[in-house]
């Protein structure tokens, strides 16, 4: 049995609701392959297993960036085809860590080296999709804000989308949306060398 199948079956055999400490233990297990977790998070056999794999991947990305780096490029290139809404939540949390101004150095270096426009397009598409859960949308707001210094045009689009989402938004959207609008009003864009 290959590694992917072993990890999948381990995540699938947990019949009861998995406890956070159990997921953390799996994330701390250095033998847990991030490539395998990434593959499973795109699987459509069972959403629960994909969700658990994405949760562990998020834990690794936020607590052990060095272990996440081998899948950084694959994570970014596959991102546009992630349709599992539960996995999108964890993936946006990973992206919040990667795009944060104080991200770990390996993330900053890899992030600067990649073509970031497809990332902007993917995150905007998730933000405006009416099926996207609020938890994913509010994370998208933060990611786009983090990228707004690089691409000046994001600021106006983000402002408009945030104002639109605030009209009938939940408490979570109201809270995060107002914070984003406040940040946008206080900061000035630092457009990249290409003036984008």
N, C-alpha and C. Protein backbone atom coordinates (compact mmCIF):
# COMPACT_ATOMS: atom_id res chain seq x y z
N UNK A 1 0.86 -1.18 0.00
CA UNK A 1 0.00 0.00 0.00
C UNK A 1 0.90 1.24 0.00
N UNK A 2 0.63 2.18 -0.90
CA UNK A 2 1.47 3.38 -0.98
C UNK A 2 1.15 4.35 0.15
N UNK A 3 2.04 5.34 0.32
CA UNK A 3 1.91 6.31 1.42
C UNK A 3 0.60 7.06 1.36
N UNK A 4 0.22 7.49 0.15
CA UNK A 4 -1.03 8.26 0.01
C UNK A 4 -2.21 7.44 0.52
N UNK A 5 -2.25 6.16 0.13
CA UNK A 5 -3.35 5.29 0.54
C UNK A 5 -3.35 5.08 2.05
N UNK A 6 -2.16 4.93 2.64
CA UNK A 6 -2.07 4.75 4.10
C UNK A 6 -2.61 5.97 4.84
N UNK A 7 -2.17 7.14 4.41
CA UNK A 7 -2.63 8.38 5.06
C UNK A 7 -4.13 8.54 4.87
N UNK A 8 -4.61 8.30 3.65
CA UNK A 8 -6.05 8.42 3.36
C UNK A 8 -6.84 7.50 4.27
N UNK A 9 -6.42 6.24 4.36
CA UNK A 9 -7.16 5.28 5.19
C UNK A 9 -7.10 5.65 6.67
N UNK A 10 -5.96 6.17 7.12
CA UNK A 10 -5.86 6.59 8.52
C UNK A 10 -6.85 7.72 8.80
N UNK A 11 -6.92 8.69 7.91
CA UNK A 11 -7.85 9.80 8.10
C UNK A 11 -9.30 9.34 7.95
N UNK A 12 -9.54 8.38 7.08
CA UNK A 12 -10.90 7.90 6.82
C UNK A 12 -11.42 6.98 7.93
N UNK A 13 -10.53 6.28 8.62
CA UNK A 13 -10.99 5.32 9.63
C UNK A 13 -11.41 5.96 10.93
N UNK A 14 -11.15 7.20 11.09
CA UNK A 14 -11.57 7.88 12.31
C UNK A 14 -13.07 8.10 12.21
N UNK A 15 -13.81 7.24 12.91
CA UNK A 15 -15.27 7.23 12.78
C UNK A 15 -15.91 8.39 13.51
N UNK A 16 -15.47 8.63 14.72
CA UNK A 16 -16.06 9.72 15.49
C UNK A 16 -15.43 11.04 15.08
N UNK A 17 -15.99 12.09 15.59
CA UNK A 17 -15.45 13.41 15.29
C UNK A 17 -14.02 13.48 15.81
N UNK A 18 -13.12 13.78 14.90
CA UNK A 18 -11.71 13.81 15.27
C UNK A 18 -11.45 15.01 16.18
N UNK A 19 -10.63 14.81 17.15
CA UNK A 19 -10.29 15.86 18.11
C UNK A 19 -9.08 16.64 17.61
N UNK A 20 -9.05 17.91 17.95
CA UNK A 20 -7.95 18.78 17.52
C UNK A 20 -6.59 18.23 17.96
N UNK A 21 -6.43 17.76 19.21
CA UNK A 21 -5.12 17.22 19.58
C UNK A 21 -4.65 16.07 18.68
N UNK A 22 -5.59 15.26 18.20
CA UNK A 22 -5.22 14.16 17.30
C UNK A 22 -4.71 14.71 15.97
N UNK A 23 -5.36 15.74 15.46
CA UNK A 23 -4.90 16.35 14.21
C UNK A 23 -3.54 17.01 14.41
N UNK A 24 -3.36 17.67 15.55
CA UNK A 24 -2.07 18.30 15.84
C UNK A 24 -0.98 17.24 15.89
N UNK A 25 -1.27 16.12 16.52
CA UNK A 25 -0.28 15.04 16.60
C UNK A 25 0.10 14.57 15.20
N UNK A 26 -0.87 14.46 14.31
CA UNK A 26 -0.57 14.07 12.93
C UNK A 26 0.27 15.14 12.24
N UNK A 27 -0.02 16.42 12.53
CA UNK A 27 0.75 17.51 11.95
C UNK A 27 2.18 17.54 12.46
N UNK A 28 2.37 17.11 13.70
CA UNK A 28 3.71 17.09 14.29
C UNK A 28 4.53 15.88 13.84
N UNK A 29 3.86 14.91 13.26
CA UNK A 29 4.53 13.69 12.79
C UNK A 29 5.34 14.02 11.54
N UNK A 30 6.66 14.02 11.67
CA UNK A 30 7.53 14.38 10.55
C UNK A 30 7.44 13.41 9.38
N UNK A 31 6.93 12.22 9.62
CA UNK A 31 6.79 11.27 8.52
C UNK A 31 5.54 11.54 7.68
N UNK A 32 4.69 12.45 8.16
CA UNK A 32 3.48 12.80 7.42
C UNK A 32 3.89 13.64 6.20
N UNK A 33 3.66 13.11 5.03
CA UNK A 33 4.07 13.77 3.79
C UNK A 33 3.14 14.91 3.43
N UNK A 34 3.71 16.11 3.27
CA UNK A 34 2.88 17.26 2.88
C UNK A 34 2.35 17.08 1.46
N UNK A 35 3.12 16.43 0.61
CA UNK A 35 2.65 16.16 -0.75
C UNK A 35 1.43 15.25 -0.75
N UNK A 36 1.46 14.25 0.11
CA UNK A 36 0.33 13.34 0.24
C UNK A 36 -0.89 14.07 0.79
N UNK A 37 -0.68 14.90 1.80
CA UNK A 37 -1.79 15.67 2.36
C UNK A 37 -2.40 16.59 1.31
N UNK A 38 -1.54 17.23 0.52
CA UNK A 38 -2.04 18.12 -0.54
C UNK A 38 -2.87 17.33 -1.54
N UNK A 39 -2.38 16.17 -1.95
CA UNK A 39 -3.13 15.34 -2.91
C UNK A 39 -4.48 14.93 -2.34
N UNK A 40 -4.49 14.50 -1.09
CA UNK A 40 -5.74 14.05 -0.47
C UNK A 40 -6.73 15.20 -0.34
N UNK A 41 -6.23 16.40 -0.11
CA UNK A 41 -7.14 17.55 0.05
C UNK A 41 -7.85 17.90 -1.26
N UNK A 42 -7.38 17.36 -2.37
CA UNK A 42 -8.07 17.55 -3.65
C UNK A 42 -8.93 16.35 -4.02
N UNK A 43 -8.87 15.31 -3.23
CA UNK A 43 -9.65 14.11 -3.52
C UNK A 43 -11.13 14.36 -3.32
N UNK A 44 -11.93 13.71 -4.11
CA UNK A 44 -13.38 13.91 -3.98
C UNK A 44 -14.08 12.64 -3.51
N UNK A 45 -13.30 11.67 -3.01
CA UNK A 45 -13.93 10.45 -2.50
C UNK A 45 -14.79 10.78 -1.28
N UNK A 46 -14.19 11.46 -0.33
CA UNK A 46 -14.94 11.90 0.85
C UNK A 46 -14.46 13.27 1.26
N UNK A 47 -15.40 14.17 1.42
CA UNK A 47 -15.06 15.53 1.82
C UNK A 47 -14.44 15.58 3.21
N UNK A 48 -14.85 14.69 4.09
CA UNK A 48 -14.34 14.68 5.45
C UNK A 48 -12.84 14.41 5.47
N UNK A 49 -12.41 13.45 4.68
CA UNK A 49 -10.98 13.11 4.64
C UNK A 49 -10.20 14.27 4.02
N UNK A 50 -10.72 14.87 2.97
CA UNK A 50 -10.06 16.02 2.34
C UNK A 50 -9.95 17.17 3.34
N UNK A 51 -11.02 17.40 4.10
CA UNK A 51 -11.02 18.45 5.12
C UNK A 51 -9.94 18.19 6.17
N UNK A 52 -9.84 16.96 6.65
CA UNK A 52 -8.85 16.62 7.66
C UNK A 52 -7.43 16.80 7.12
N UNK A 53 -7.22 16.38 5.88
CA UNK A 53 -5.89 16.55 5.26
C UNK A 53 -5.55 18.03 5.14
N UNK A 54 -6.52 18.85 4.74
CA UNK A 54 -6.30 20.29 4.59
C UNK A 54 -6.03 20.94 5.95
N UNK A 55 -6.72 20.47 6.99
CA UNK A 55 -6.51 21.00 8.34
C UNK A 55 -5.08 20.73 8.78
N UNK A 56 -4.61 19.51 8.57
CA UNK A 56 -3.24 19.15 8.96
C UNK A 56 -2.24 19.94 8.12
N UNK A 57 -2.52 20.10 6.84
CA UNK A 57 -1.63 20.88 5.96
C UNK A 57 -1.54 22.33 6.45
N UNK A 58 -2.68 22.89 6.85
CA UNK A 58 -2.67 24.25 7.41
C UNK A 58 -1.81 24.31 8.68
N UNK A 59 -1.97 23.33 9.53
CA UNK A 59 -1.18 23.28 10.77
C UNK A 59 0.31 23.26 10.45
N UNK A 60 0.68 22.41 9.52
CA UNK A 60 2.10 22.32 9.13
C UNK A 60 2.57 23.65 8.54
N UNK A 61 1.77 24.24 7.66
CA UNK A 61 2.16 25.49 7.00
C UNK A 61 2.33 26.63 8.00
N UNK A 62 1.50 26.66 9.03
CA UNK A 62 1.57 27.77 9.99
C UNK A 62 2.55 27.51 11.14
N UNK A 63 2.87 26.26 11.40
CA UNK A 63 3.77 25.94 12.51
C UNK A 63 5.14 25.43 12.07
N UNK A 64 5.22 24.90 10.86
CA UNK A 64 6.47 24.32 10.36
C UNK A 64 6.67 24.69 8.89
N UNK A 65 6.90 25.96 8.60
CA UNK A 65 7.04 26.40 7.20
C UNK A 65 8.07 25.59 6.41
N UNK A 66 9.13 25.17 7.06
CA UNK A 66 10.15 24.38 6.37
C UNK A 66 9.59 23.07 5.83
N UNK A 67 8.64 22.48 6.52
CA UNK A 67 8.01 21.24 6.04
C UNK A 67 7.00 21.52 4.93
N UNK A 68 6.46 22.73 4.89
CA UNK A 68 5.49 23.08 3.85
C UNK A 68 6.18 23.46 2.54
N UNK A 69 7.38 23.99 2.62
CA UNK A 69 8.07 24.51 1.43
C UNK A 69 8.19 23.52 0.28
N UNK A 70 8.40 22.23 0.50
CA UNK A 70 8.49 21.31 -0.65
C UNK A 70 7.22 21.27 -1.51
N UNK A 71 6.07 21.66 -0.95
CA UNK A 71 4.83 21.65 -1.75
C UNK A 71 4.35 23.06 -2.09
N UNK A 72 5.14 24.07 -1.77
CA UNK A 72 4.73 25.46 -2.00
C UNK A 72 4.28 25.67 -3.44
N UNK A 73 5.12 25.31 -4.40
CA UNK A 73 4.79 25.54 -5.82
C UNK A 73 3.55 24.75 -6.25
N UNK A 74 3.47 23.50 -5.83
CA UNK A 74 2.30 22.68 -6.18
C UNK A 74 1.04 23.25 -5.54
N UNK A 75 1.15 23.69 -4.30
CA UNK A 75 0.01 24.30 -3.61
C UNK A 75 -0.51 25.49 -4.41
N UNK A 76 0.40 26.36 -4.82
CA UNK A 76 0.00 27.57 -5.56
C UNK A 76 -0.55 27.23 -6.94
N UNK A 77 0.07 26.30 -7.63
CA UNK A 77 -0.38 26.01 -8.99
C UNK A 77 -1.72 25.27 -9.01
N UNK A 78 -2.00 24.48 -7.99
CA UNK A 78 -3.26 23.73 -7.95
C UNK A 78 -4.42 24.52 -7.33
N UNK A 79 -4.10 25.60 -6.67
CA UNK A 79 -5.09 26.38 -5.94
C UNK A 79 -6.36 26.71 -6.74
N UNK A 80 -6.26 27.15 -8.00
CA UNK A 80 -7.47 27.53 -8.73
C UNK A 80 -8.49 26.40 -8.92
N UNK A 81 -8.06 25.15 -8.81
CA UNK A 81 -9.00 24.05 -9.04
C UNK A 81 -9.54 23.46 -7.73
N UNK A 82 -9.23 24.07 -6.60
CA UNK A 82 -9.76 23.58 -5.32
C UNK A 82 -11.23 23.99 -5.21
N UNK A 83 -12.12 23.02 -5.24
CA UNK A 83 -13.56 23.28 -5.20
C UNK A 83 -14.20 22.92 -3.86
N UNK A 84 -13.47 22.19 -3.03
CA UNK A 84 -14.00 21.80 -1.73
C UNK A 84 -14.01 23.03 -0.82
N UNK A 85 -15.19 23.49 -0.46
CA UNK A 85 -15.32 24.72 0.32
C UNK A 85 -14.66 24.61 1.70
N UNK A 86 -14.72 23.43 2.31
CA UNK A 86 -14.06 23.25 3.61
C UNK A 86 -12.55 23.34 3.46
N UNK A 87 -12.02 22.80 2.39
CA UNK A 87 -10.58 22.88 2.15
C UNK A 87 -10.17 24.31 1.80
N UNK A 88 -11.04 25.02 1.11
CA UNK A 88 -10.74 26.42 0.79
C UNK A 88 -10.50 27.23 2.06
N UNK A 89 -11.24 26.93 3.09
CA UNK A 89 -11.06 27.66 4.36
C UNK A 89 -9.63 27.48 4.87
N UNK A 90 -9.16 26.25 4.88
CA UNK A 90 -7.80 26.00 5.37
C UNK A 90 -6.76 26.54 4.41
N UNK A 91 -7.04 26.46 3.13
CA UNK A 91 -6.09 26.98 2.14
C UNK A 91 -5.98 28.50 2.25
N UNK A 92 -7.09 29.17 2.52
CA UNK A 92 -7.00 30.63 2.67
C UNK A 92 -6.23 31.00 3.94
N UNK A 93 -6.33 30.19 4.96
CA UNK A 93 -5.53 30.46 6.17
C UNK A 93 -4.04 30.29 5.86
N UNK A 94 -3.71 29.30 5.06
CA UNK A 94 -2.31 29.13 4.64
C UNK A 94 -1.87 30.36 3.85
N UNK A 95 -2.73 30.83 2.96
CA UNK A 95 -2.39 31.99 2.14
C UNK A 95 -2.27 33.26 2.97
N UNK A 96 -3.04 33.37 4.02
CA UNK A 96 -2.90 34.52 4.92
C UNK A 96 -1.51 34.52 5.54
N UNK A 97 -1.01 33.35 5.90
CA UNK A 97 0.34 33.25 6.48
C UNK A 97 1.40 33.57 5.43
N UNK A 98 1.21 33.11 4.22
CA UNK A 98 2.19 33.32 3.15
C UNK A 98 2.25 34.78 2.72
N UNK A 99 1.09 35.43 2.63
CA UNK A 99 1.05 36.82 2.14
C UNK A 99 1.25 37.85 3.24
N UNK A 100 1.28 37.42 4.47
CA UNK A 100 1.44 38.36 5.59
C UNK A 100 2.77 39.10 5.47
N UNK A 101 2.78 40.39 5.79
CA UNK A 101 4.03 41.16 5.69
C UNK A 101 5.18 40.59 6.52
N UNK A 102 4.86 39.89 7.60
CA UNK A 102 5.90 39.30 8.44
C UNK A 102 5.95 37.78 8.28
N UNK A 103 5.66 37.31 7.08
CA UNK A 103 5.72 35.87 6.80
C UNK A 103 7.15 35.36 6.98
N UNK A 104 7.30 34.09 7.30
CA UNK A 104 8.65 33.53 7.40
C UNK A 104 9.43 33.74 6.10
N UNK A 105 10.72 33.90 6.23
CA UNK A 105 11.58 34.21 5.08
C UNK A 105 11.41 33.24 3.91
N UNK A 106 11.35 31.91 4.14
CA UNK A 106 11.17 31.02 2.98
C UNK A 106 9.88 31.32 2.20
N UNK A 107 8.81 31.67 2.92
CA UNK A 107 7.56 32.03 2.24
C UNK A 107 7.72 33.31 1.44
N UNK A 108 8.34 34.31 2.04
CA UNK A 108 8.51 35.59 1.34
C UNK A 108 9.32 35.41 0.07
N UNK A 109 10.38 34.63 0.15
CA UNK A 109 11.25 34.41 -1.01
C UNK A 109 10.49 33.67 -2.12
N UNK A 110 9.81 32.59 -1.78
CA UNK A 110 9.07 31.82 -2.78
C UNK A 110 7.91 32.63 -3.35
N UNK A 111 7.26 33.39 -2.50
CA UNK A 111 6.13 34.23 -2.92
C UNK A 111 6.57 35.29 -3.92
N UNK A 112 7.69 35.94 -3.64
CA UNK A 112 8.20 36.98 -4.56
C UNK A 112 8.61 36.39 -5.90
N UNK A 113 9.03 35.13 -5.90
CA UNK A 113 9.51 34.50 -7.13
C UNK A 113 8.38 34.00 -8.03
N UNK A 114 7.17 33.92 -7.51
CA UNK A 114 6.06 33.34 -8.29
C UNK A 114 5.27 34.41 -9.03
N UNK A 115 4.51 33.96 -10.02
CA UNK A 115 3.57 34.85 -10.71
C UNK A 115 2.35 34.97 -9.80
N UNK A 116 2.15 36.15 -9.23
CA UNK A 116 1.10 36.34 -8.23
C UNK A 116 -0.26 36.71 -8.80
N UNK A 117 -0.32 37.08 -10.05
CA UNK A 117 -1.60 37.47 -10.65
C UNK A 117 -2.62 36.32 -10.62
N UNK A 118 -2.25 35.08 -10.95
CA UNK A 118 -3.24 33.99 -10.84
C UNK A 118 -3.78 33.82 -9.42
N UNK A 119 -2.94 34.09 -8.43
CA UNK A 119 -3.40 34.01 -7.04
C UNK A 119 -4.46 35.07 -6.78
N UNK A 120 -4.21 36.30 -7.22
CA UNK A 120 -5.18 37.38 -7.04
C UNK A 120 -6.50 37.00 -7.70
N UNK A 121 -6.44 36.47 -8.91
CA UNK A 121 -7.65 36.10 -9.65
C UNK A 121 -8.42 35.01 -8.92
N UNK A 122 -7.71 34.01 -8.42
CA UNK A 122 -8.37 32.92 -7.70
C UNK A 122 -9.05 33.43 -6.43
N UNK A 123 -8.35 34.24 -5.67
CA UNK A 123 -8.90 34.74 -4.41
C UNK A 123 -10.10 35.66 -4.66
N UNK A 124 -10.02 36.51 -5.67
CA UNK A 124 -11.18 37.34 -6.00
C UNK A 124 -12.36 36.46 -6.43
N UNK A 125 -12.10 35.41 -7.20
CA UNK A 125 -13.21 34.55 -7.65
C UNK A 125 -13.86 33.85 -6.47
N UNK A 126 -13.08 33.43 -5.49
CA UNK A 126 -13.67 32.82 -4.30
C UNK A 126 -14.45 33.86 -3.50
N UNK A 127 -13.92 35.06 -3.41
CA UNK A 127 -14.58 36.12 -2.65
C UNK A 127 -15.96 36.44 -3.20
N UNK A 128 -16.09 36.52 -4.51
CA UNK A 128 -17.36 36.95 -5.10
C UNK A 128 -18.33 35.82 -5.39
N UNK A 129 -17.90 34.58 -5.25
CA UNK A 129 -18.78 33.44 -5.49
C UNK A 129 -19.81 33.37 -4.37
N UNK A 130 -21.11 33.44 -4.70
CA UNK A 130 -22.14 33.44 -3.65
C UNK A 130 -22.18 32.14 -2.84
N UNK A 131 -21.60 31.06 -3.35
CA UNK A 131 -21.58 29.79 -2.61
C UNK A 131 -20.45 29.73 -1.59
N UNK A 132 -19.52 30.67 -1.67
CA UNK A 132 -18.37 30.65 -0.77
C UNK A 132 -18.81 30.96 0.65
N UNK A 133 -18.44 30.12 1.61
CA UNK A 133 -18.79 30.39 3.01
C UNK A 133 -18.14 31.68 3.51
N UNK A 134 -18.78 32.31 4.47
CA UNK A 134 -18.28 33.56 5.02
C UNK A 134 -16.87 33.39 5.58
N UNK A 135 -16.60 32.26 6.21
CA UNK A 135 -15.26 32.04 6.79
C UNK A 135 -14.17 32.12 5.72
N UNK A 136 -14.47 31.65 4.52
CA UNK A 136 -13.51 31.73 3.41
C UNK A 136 -13.46 33.16 2.89
N UNK A 137 -14.62 33.79 2.75
CA UNK A 137 -14.66 35.15 2.22
C UNK A 137 -13.86 36.13 3.08
N UNK A 138 -14.00 36.03 4.40
CA UNK A 138 -13.27 36.98 5.26
C UNK A 138 -11.77 36.74 5.18
N UNK A 139 -11.37 35.49 5.00
CA UNK A 139 -9.94 35.22 4.81
C UNK A 139 -9.47 35.80 3.48
N UNK A 140 -10.32 35.72 2.46
CA UNK A 140 -9.99 36.31 1.15
C UNK A 140 -9.76 37.81 1.28
N UNK A 141 -10.57 38.48 2.09
CA UNK A 141 -10.38 39.91 2.31
C UNK A 141 -8.97 40.20 2.82
N UNK A 142 -8.53 39.42 3.80
CA UNK A 142 -7.20 39.64 4.36
C UNK A 142 -6.10 39.36 3.35
N UNK A 143 -6.24 38.29 2.60
CA UNK A 143 -5.23 37.95 1.59
C UNK A 143 -5.11 39.07 0.57
N UNK A 144 -6.24 39.52 0.07
CA UNK A 144 -6.22 40.59 -0.94
C UNK A 144 -5.67 41.88 -0.36
N UNK A 145 -6.01 42.17 0.88
CA UNK A 145 -5.42 43.36 1.51
C UNK A 145 -3.90 43.22 1.59
N UNK A 146 -3.44 42.03 1.98
CA UNK A 146 -2.00 41.80 2.07
C UNK A 146 -1.31 42.00 0.72
N UNK A 147 -2.03 41.77 -0.36
CA UNK A 147 -1.45 41.90 -1.71
C UNK A 147 -1.68 43.28 -2.31
N UNK A 148 -2.42 44.13 -1.63
CA UNK A 148 -2.81 45.42 -2.22
C UNK A 148 -1.65 46.39 -2.39
N UNK A 149 -0.58 46.22 -1.66
CA UNK A 149 0.59 47.08 -1.87
C UNK A 149 1.30 46.74 -3.18
N UNK A 150 1.19 45.51 -3.60
CA UNK A 150 1.85 45.07 -4.83
C UNK A 150 1.07 45.45 -6.08
N UNK A 151 -0.22 45.35 -5.99
CA UNK A 151 -1.10 45.62 -7.13
C UNK A 151 -2.07 46.73 -6.72
N UNK A 152 -1.78 47.94 -7.14
CA UNK A 152 -2.58 49.09 -6.73
C UNK A 152 -4.06 48.96 -7.04
N UNK A 153 -4.39 48.29 -8.14
CA UNK A 153 -5.80 48.18 -8.55
C UNK A 153 -6.61 47.32 -7.58
N UNK A 154 -5.96 46.48 -6.79
CA UNK A 154 -6.68 45.63 -5.84
C UNK A 154 -7.44 46.49 -4.83
N UNK A 155 -6.84 47.58 -4.42
CA UNK A 155 -7.42 48.41 -3.36
C UNK A 155 -8.85 48.84 -3.68
N UNK A 156 -9.06 49.39 -4.87
CA UNK A 156 -10.40 49.87 -5.22
C UNK A 156 -11.39 48.72 -5.37
N UNK A 157 -10.94 47.64 -6.02
CA UNK A 157 -11.81 46.46 -6.17
C UNK A 157 -12.16 45.86 -4.81
N UNK A 158 -11.17 45.77 -3.94
CA UNK A 158 -11.39 45.21 -2.61
C UNK A 158 -12.34 46.09 -1.82
N UNK A 159 -12.18 47.38 -1.91
CA UNK A 159 -13.07 48.31 -1.22
C UNK A 159 -14.51 48.11 -1.70
N UNK A 160 -14.71 48.05 -3.01
CA UNK A 160 -16.06 47.89 -3.55
C UNK A 160 -16.68 46.55 -3.16
N UNK A 161 -15.90 45.48 -3.26
CA UNK A 161 -16.43 44.16 -2.90
C UNK A 161 -16.75 44.09 -1.41
N UNK A 162 -15.89 44.67 -0.60
CA UNK A 162 -16.13 44.65 0.85
C UNK A 162 -17.40 45.42 1.19
N UNK A 163 -17.57 46.59 0.61
CA UNK A 163 -18.78 47.38 0.85
C UNK A 163 -20.02 46.61 0.42
N UNK A 164 -19.93 45.91 -0.70
CA UNK A 164 -21.06 45.12 -1.19
C UNK A 164 -21.37 43.98 -0.20
N UNK A 165 -20.34 43.28 0.26
CA UNK A 165 -20.55 42.16 1.17
C UNK A 165 -21.06 42.61 2.54
N UNK A 166 -20.76 43.84 2.92
CA UNK A 166 -21.23 44.36 4.21
C UNK A 166 -22.73 44.64 4.22
N UNK A 167 -23.32 44.85 3.07
CA UNK A 167 -24.76 45.19 3.01
C UNK A 167 -25.64 44.20 3.75
N UNK A 168 -25.43 42.93 3.46
CA UNK A 168 -26.23 41.89 4.10
C UNK A 168 -25.35 40.88 4.82
N UNK A 169 -24.16 41.31 5.20
CA UNK A 169 -23.17 40.39 5.75
C UNK A 169 -23.46 39.93 7.16
N UNK A 170 -22.94 38.76 7.47
CA UNK A 170 -23.05 38.20 8.81
C UNK A 170 -22.20 39.01 9.79
N UNK A 171 -22.26 38.64 11.05
CA UNK A 171 -21.45 39.32 12.06
C UNK A 171 -19.96 39.20 11.75
N UNK A 172 -19.54 38.03 11.29
CA UNK A 172 -18.13 37.82 10.95
C UNK A 172 -17.72 38.72 9.79
N UNK A 173 -18.59 38.83 8.78
CA UNK A 173 -18.29 39.69 7.64
C UNK A 173 -18.28 41.16 8.07
N UNK A 174 -19.22 41.54 8.91
CA UNK A 174 -19.26 42.93 9.40
C UNK A 174 -17.96 43.28 10.12
N UNK A 175 -17.54 42.40 11.00
CA UNK A 175 -16.35 42.66 11.80
C UNK A 175 -15.10 42.76 10.92
N UNK A 176 -14.87 41.74 10.11
CA UNK A 176 -13.64 41.73 9.30
C UNK A 176 -13.71 42.75 8.19
N UNK A 177 -14.88 42.90 7.57
CA UNK A 177 -15.03 43.87 6.48
C UNK A 177 -14.74 45.29 6.94
N UNK A 178 -15.26 45.66 8.10
CA UNK A 178 -15.01 47.01 8.64
C UNK A 178 -13.53 47.22 8.94
N UNK A 179 -12.86 46.18 9.43
CA UNK A 179 -11.42 46.29 9.69
C UNK A 179 -10.65 46.50 8.39
N UNK A 180 -11.04 45.78 7.36
CA UNK A 180 -10.36 45.92 6.06
C UNK A 180 -10.57 47.32 5.50
N UNK A 181 -11.80 47.82 5.56
CA UNK A 181 -12.08 49.17 5.05
C UNK A 181 -11.28 50.21 5.83
N UNK A 182 -11.17 50.02 7.13
CA UNK A 182 -10.39 50.96 7.95
C UNK A 182 -8.91 50.92 7.55
N UNK A 183 -8.38 49.72 7.36
CA UNK A 183 -6.98 49.60 6.94
C UNK A 183 -6.76 50.24 5.57
N UNK A 184 -7.69 50.02 4.66
CA UNK A 184 -7.57 50.59 3.32
C UNK A 184 -7.57 52.12 3.37
N UNK A 185 -8.39 52.68 4.25
CA UNK A 185 -8.48 54.14 4.32
C UNK A 185 -7.23 54.77 4.95
N UNK A 186 -6.50 53.98 5.76
CA UNK A 186 -5.32 54.52 6.44
C UNK A 186 -4.01 54.29 5.72
N UNK A 187 -4.00 53.42 4.74
CA UNK A 187 -2.73 53.10 4.09
C UNK A 187 -2.72 53.56 2.64
N UNK A 188 -1.53 53.73 2.12
CA UNK A 188 -1.36 54.13 0.72
C UNK A 188 -0.69 52.98 -0.01
N UNK A 189 -1.06 52.76 -1.28
CA UNK A 189 -0.46 51.64 -2.02
C UNK A 189 1.01 51.89 -2.31
N UNK A 190 1.76 50.82 -2.29
CA UNK A 190 3.17 50.85 -2.69
C UNK A 190 3.26 49.96 -3.92
N UNK A 191 2.97 50.53 -5.07
CA UNK A 191 2.86 49.76 -6.30
C UNK A 191 4.22 49.20 -6.70
N UNK A 192 4.20 47.99 -7.27
CA UNK A 192 5.45 47.36 -7.68
C UNK A 192 6.09 48.09 -8.86
N UNK A 193 7.27 47.64 -9.24
CA UNK A 193 8.05 48.31 -10.28
C UNK A 193 7.32 48.38 -11.62
N UNK A 194 6.44 47.43 -11.88
CA UNK A 194 5.68 47.43 -13.13
C UNK A 194 4.46 48.35 -13.07
N UNK A 195 4.19 48.93 -11.92
CA UNK A 195 3.07 49.85 -11.76
C UNK A 195 1.72 49.19 -11.76
N UNK A 196 1.69 47.92 -11.44
CA UNK A 196 0.42 47.19 -11.46
C UNK A 196 -0.34 47.38 -10.17
